[in-house]
N, C-alpha and C. Protein backbone atom coordinates (compact mmCIF):
# COMPACT_ATOMS: atom_id res chain seq x y z
N UNK A 1 31.44 -14.02 -84.60
CA UNK A 1 30.51 -13.62 -85.07
C UNK A 1 29.69 -13.34 -84.15
N UNK A 2 28.54 -12.12 -83.75
CA UNK A 2 27.57 -12.00 -83.14
C UNK A 2 26.44 -12.96 -83.57
N UNK A 3 25.89 -13.37 -82.60
CA UNK A 3 24.35 -13.87 -82.84
C UNK A 3 23.58 -12.95 -82.09
N UNK A 4 23.50 -12.36 -81.14
CA UNK A 4 22.39 -12.06 -80.56
C UNK A 4 22.77 -10.64 -79.95
N UNK A 5 21.63 -9.80 -79.47
CA UNK A 5 21.89 -8.39 -78.65
C UNK A 5 21.18 -8.20 -77.56
N UNK A 6 21.43 -7.64 -76.37
CA UNK A 6 21.00 -6.91 -75.66
C UNK A 6 20.60 -5.64 -75.02
N UNK A 7 18.98 -5.28 -75.68
CA UNK A 7 18.47 -4.17 -75.12
C UNK A 7 18.14 -3.61 -73.47
N UNK A 8 18.26 -2.67 -73.38
CA UNK A 8 17.92 -2.42 -72.30
C UNK A 8 17.06 -0.87 -72.39
N UNK A 9 15.93 -1.14 -73.00
CA UNK A 9 15.18 0.20 -72.97
C UNK A 9 14.39 1.07 -71.85
N UNK A 10 14.47 0.04 -70.82
CA UNK A 10 13.70 0.90 -69.50
C UNK A 10 14.37 1.01 -68.45
N UNK A 11 15.71 0.82 -68.51
CA UNK A 11 16.68 0.88 -67.65
C UNK A 11 16.95 0.25 -66.34
N UNK A 12 16.44 -1.29 -66.58
CA UNK A 12 16.91 -2.26 -65.37
C UNK A 12 18.16 -2.90 -65.26
N UNK A 13 18.83 -2.71 -66.69
CA UNK A 13 20.33 -3.26 -66.32
C UNK A 13 20.92 -2.32 -66.27
N UNK A 14 20.99 -0.65 -66.65
CA UNK A 14 21.87 0.21 -66.85
C UNK A 14 21.15 1.43 -66.57
N UNK A 15 21.16 2.33 -65.45
CA UNK A 15 20.67 3.58 -65.59
C UNK A 15 21.39 4.48 -66.42
N UNK A 16 20.64 4.97 -67.43
CA UNK A 16 20.84 5.68 -68.50
C UNK A 16 20.00 7.32 -68.62
N UNK A 17 19.28 7.08 -67.84
CA UNK A 17 18.43 8.61 -67.65
C UNK A 17 19.29 9.75 -67.97
N UNK A 18 20.78 9.77 -67.05
CA UNK A 18 21.24 11.23 -67.25
C UNK A 18 21.82 11.22 -68.94
N UNK A 19 21.97 10.49 -69.70
CA UNK A 19 22.39 10.13 -71.03
C UNK A 19 21.33 10.78 -71.34
N UNK A 20 19.81 10.13 -71.51
CA UNK A 20 18.76 11.00 -72.09
C UNK A 20 18.80 12.43 -71.92
N UNK A 21 18.74 12.61 -70.73
CA UNK A 21 18.33 14.10 -70.24
C UNK A 21 19.19 15.27 -70.91
N UNK A 22 20.92 14.49 -70.90
CA UNK A 22 21.69 15.46 -71.53
C UNK A 22 21.41 15.46 -73.05
N UNK A 23 21.33 14.43 -73.87
CA UNK A 23 20.73 14.12 -75.21
C UNK A 23 19.73 15.26 -75.47
N UNK A 24 18.79 15.49 -74.58
CA UNK A 24 17.45 16.10 -75.08
C UNK A 24 17.31 17.52 -74.93
N UNK A 25 18.39 17.91 -73.70
CA UNK A 25 18.53 19.41 -73.45
C UNK A 25 19.35 19.75 -74.68
N UNK A 26 20.39 18.65 -75.24
CA UNK A 26 21.59 19.62 -76.35
C UNK A 26 20.74 19.72 -77.56
N UNK A 27 19.98 18.79 -77.81
CA UNK A 27 18.65 19.07 -79.09
C UNK A 27 17.80 20.28 -78.90
N UNK A 28 17.32 20.33 -77.46
CA UNK A 28 16.30 21.70 -77.36
C UNK A 28 17.13 22.87 -77.60
N UNK A 29 18.75 23.01 -77.02
CA UNK A 29 19.30 24.24 -77.23
C UNK A 29 19.74 24.26 -79.01
N UNK A 30 20.00 23.40 -79.74
CA UNK A 30 20.42 23.34 -80.60
C UNK A 30 19.22 23.74 -81.59
N UNK A 31 18.11 23.24 -81.48
CA UNK A 31 16.72 23.73 -82.06
C UNK A 31 16.61 25.01 -81.76
N UNK A 32 16.35 24.96 -80.78
CA UNK A 32 16.14 27.08 -80.68
C UNK A 32 17.32 27.95 -81.32
N UNK A 33 18.39 27.26 -81.29
CA UNK A 33 19.51 28.10 -82.08
C UNK A 33 19.01 28.10 -83.35
N UNK A 34 18.39 27.19 -84.05
CA UNK A 34 18.19 27.27 -85.48
C UNK A 34 16.57 27.77 -85.73
N UNK A 35 16.05 28.34 -84.58
CA UNK A 35 14.64 28.99 -84.54
C UNK A 35 13.58 28.03 -85.11
N UNK A 36 14.13 26.32 -84.71
CA UNK A 36 13.04 25.42 -84.88
C UNK A 36 11.65 25.37 -84.26
N UNK A 37 12.19 25.52 -83.03
CA UNK A 37 10.98 25.39 -82.21
C UNK A 37 10.57 26.88 -81.04
N UNK A 38 9.80 27.24 -80.56
CA UNK A 38 9.23 28.40 -80.11
C UNK A 38 9.73 28.18 -78.52
N UNK A 39 10.46 29.37 -78.31
CA UNK A 39 11.09 29.13 -76.57
C UNK A 39 9.64 29.08 -75.59
N UNK A 40 8.92 29.99 -76.06
CA UNK A 40 7.86 29.67 -74.81
C UNK A 40 7.16 28.79 -75.06
N UNK A 41 7.34 27.81 -75.52
CA UNK A 41 6.56 26.28 -75.25
C UNK A 41 7.33 25.89 -74.10
C-alpha cells in the first residue's frame, strides 16, 4: 500500500520541460485542425 507521493512541478528532480513542449505543440496542432483556435494568434 502506498502512503505518499512525490510531485516535481518545478523540474528540480527531473527535467521534464521537453515533455511539456511536446504536449503543448501537439495540443496546438490538434486545436488548429479542429478550428478551435486562430492560427494568427
